[in-house]
Amino acid sequence: MTDLNRGIMKFDGADKPIIVAISAFLVLGSITALVIWALRSAYVVG
């Protein structure tokens, strides 16, 4: 069992590279969207 198959990712195949890539994309995309939204709200950019 790898380290990626523990914790909250307790299902078979949790350490597959495609699953890790999709999860990373979703997390980083959400953070990016929140930062852009915050900058547009605070400074009226764009």
N, C-alpha and C. Protein backbone atom coordinates (compact mmCIF):
# COMPACT_ATOMS: atom_id res chain seq x y z
N MET A 1 0.85 -1.18 0.00
CA MET A 1 0.00 0.00 0.00
C MET A 1 0.89 1.24 0.00
N THR A 2 0.63 2.14 -0.92
CA THR A 2 1.42 3.37 -0.97
C THR A 2 0.85 4.40 0.00
N ASP A 3 1.60 5.46 0.22
CA ASP A 3 1.14 6.53 1.11
C ASP A 3 -0.08 7.24 0.55
N LEU A 4 -0.25 7.26 -0.80
CA LEU A 4 -1.39 7.94 -1.38
C LEU A 4 -2.68 7.15 -1.22
N ASN A 5 -2.58 5.89 -0.82
CA ASN A 5 -3.75 5.06 -0.66
C ASN A 5 -4.19 4.99 0.80
N ARG A 6 -3.82 5.97 1.58
CA ARG A 6 -4.20 6.05 3.00
C ARG A 6 -4.93 7.36 3.26
N GLY A 7 -5.34 7.55 4.47
CA GLY A 7 -6.00 8.80 4.83
C GLY A 7 -7.40 8.87 4.26
N ILE A 8 -7.77 10.02 3.68
CA ILE A 8 -9.13 10.19 3.17
C ILE A 8 -9.31 9.52 1.81
N MET A 9 -8.21 9.12 1.15
CA MET A 9 -8.29 8.46 -0.15
C MET A 9 -8.27 6.95 0.05
N LYS A 10 -9.21 6.41 0.81
CA LYS A 10 -9.23 4.99 1.14
C LYS A 10 -10.04 4.20 0.13
N PHE A 11 -9.58 4.14 -1.11
CA PHE A 11 -10.22 3.28 -2.08
C PHE A 11 -9.16 2.73 -3.02
N ASP A 12 -9.46 1.61 -3.62
CA ASP A 12 -8.50 0.98 -4.52
C ASP A 12 -8.25 1.87 -5.73
N GLY A 13 -7.00 2.05 -6.07
CA GLY A 13 -6.65 2.87 -7.22
C GLY A 13 -6.47 4.33 -6.89
N ALA A 14 -6.46 4.69 -5.62
CA ALA A 14 -6.31 6.10 -5.24
C ALA A 14 -4.94 6.64 -5.59
N ASP A 15 -3.98 5.74 -5.81
CA ASP A 15 -2.63 6.20 -6.12
C ASP A 15 -2.33 6.15 -7.61
N LYS A 16 -3.36 5.98 -8.45
CA LYS A 16 -3.14 6.00 -9.90
C LYS A 16 -2.78 7.43 -10.32
N PRO A 17 -1.82 7.57 -11.22
CA PRO A 17 -1.40 8.91 -11.64
C PRO A 17 -2.52 9.77 -12.21
N ILE A 18 -3.46 9.18 -12.93
CA ILE A 18 -4.55 9.98 -13.51
C ILE A 18 -5.47 10.53 -12.42
N ILE A 19 -5.71 9.75 -11.38
CA ILE A 19 -6.55 10.22 -10.26
C ILE A 19 -5.84 11.35 -9.52
N VAL A 20 -4.54 11.20 -9.29
CA VAL A 20 -3.76 12.23 -8.62
C VAL A 20 -3.74 13.50 -9.46
N ALA A 21 -3.59 13.37 -10.77
CA ALA A 21 -3.55 14.54 -11.66
C ALA A 21 -4.89 15.26 -11.68
N ILE A 22 -5.99 14.51 -11.73
CA ILE A 22 -7.31 15.14 -11.73
C ILE A 22 -7.55 15.86 -10.41
N SER A 23 -7.19 15.25 -9.30
CA SER A 23 -7.36 15.88 -7.99
C SER A 23 -6.54 17.16 -7.88
N ALA A 24 -5.30 17.09 -8.34
CA ALA A 24 -4.44 18.27 -8.29
C ALA A 24 -5.00 19.38 -9.16
N PHE A 25 -5.49 19.03 -10.35
CA PHE A 25 -6.08 20.03 -11.24
C PHE A 25 -7.29 20.70 -10.60
N LEU A 26 -8.15 19.91 -9.97
CA LEU A 26 -9.34 20.48 -9.32
C LEU A 26 -8.97 21.41 -8.17
N VAL A 27 -8.02 20.98 -7.35
CA VAL A 27 -7.62 21.80 -6.20
C VAL A 27 -6.96 23.09 -6.67
N LEU A 28 -5.98 22.98 -7.57
CA LEU A 28 -5.28 24.18 -8.04
C LEU A 28 -6.20 25.09 -8.84
N GLY A 29 -7.10 24.51 -9.61
CA GLY A 29 -8.06 25.32 -10.36
C GLY A 29 -8.99 26.09 -9.44
N SER A 30 -9.44 25.44 -8.38
CA SER A 30 -10.31 26.12 -7.41
C SER A 30 -9.59 27.25 -6.71
N ILE A 31 -8.35 27.01 -6.32
CA ILE A 31 -7.56 28.06 -5.66
C ILE A 31 -7.35 29.24 -6.61
N THR A 32 -7.02 28.94 -7.86
CA THR A 32 -6.81 29.99 -8.85
C THR A 32 -8.08 30.80 -9.06
N ALA A 33 -9.21 30.12 -9.18
CA ALA A 33 -10.49 30.81 -9.36
C ALA A 33 -10.81 31.71 -8.17
N LEU A 34 -10.54 31.24 -6.96
CA LEU A 34 -10.80 32.07 -5.78
C LEU A 34 -9.90 33.29 -5.72
N VAL A 35 -8.63 33.13 -6.09
CA VAL A 35 -7.69 34.26 -6.09
C VAL A 35 -8.12 35.29 -7.12
N ILE A 36 -8.48 34.84 -8.32
CA ILE A 36 -8.92 35.77 -9.36
C ILE A 36 -10.20 36.49 -8.93
N TRP A 37 -11.14 35.74 -8.37
CA TRP A 37 -12.38 36.36 -7.90
C TRP A 37 -12.10 37.40 -6.82
N ALA A 38 -11.20 37.08 -5.88
CA ALA A 38 -10.87 38.00 -4.79
C ALA A 38 -10.21 39.27 -5.34
N LEU A 39 -9.29 39.11 -6.28
CA LEU A 39 -8.63 40.28 -6.86
C LEU A 39 -9.63 41.15 -7.63
N ARG A 40 -10.53 40.53 -8.37
CA ARG A 40 -11.51 41.30 -9.13
C ARG A 40 -12.48 42.00 -8.18
N SER A 41 -12.83 41.36 -7.08
CA SER A 41 -13.77 41.97 -6.14
C SER A 41 -13.13 43.12 -5.37
N ALA A 42 -11.88 42.96 -5.01
CA ALA A 42 -11.22 43.95 -4.17
C ALA A 42 -10.69 45.13 -4.97
N TYR A 43 -10.19 44.89 -6.18
CA TYR A 43 -9.52 45.95 -6.91
C TYR A 43 -10.16 46.31 -8.24
N VAL A 44 -11.29 45.75 -8.55
CA VAL A 44 -12.00 46.01 -9.80
C VAL A 44 -11.04 45.89 -10.98
N VAL A 45 -10.41 44.73 -11.08
CA VAL A 45 -9.49 44.45 -12.17
C VAL A 45 -10.30 43.88 -13.32
N GLY A 46 -10.07 44.39 -14.51
CA GLY A 46 -10.75 43.83 -15.68
C GLY A 46 -12.05 44.45 -15.96
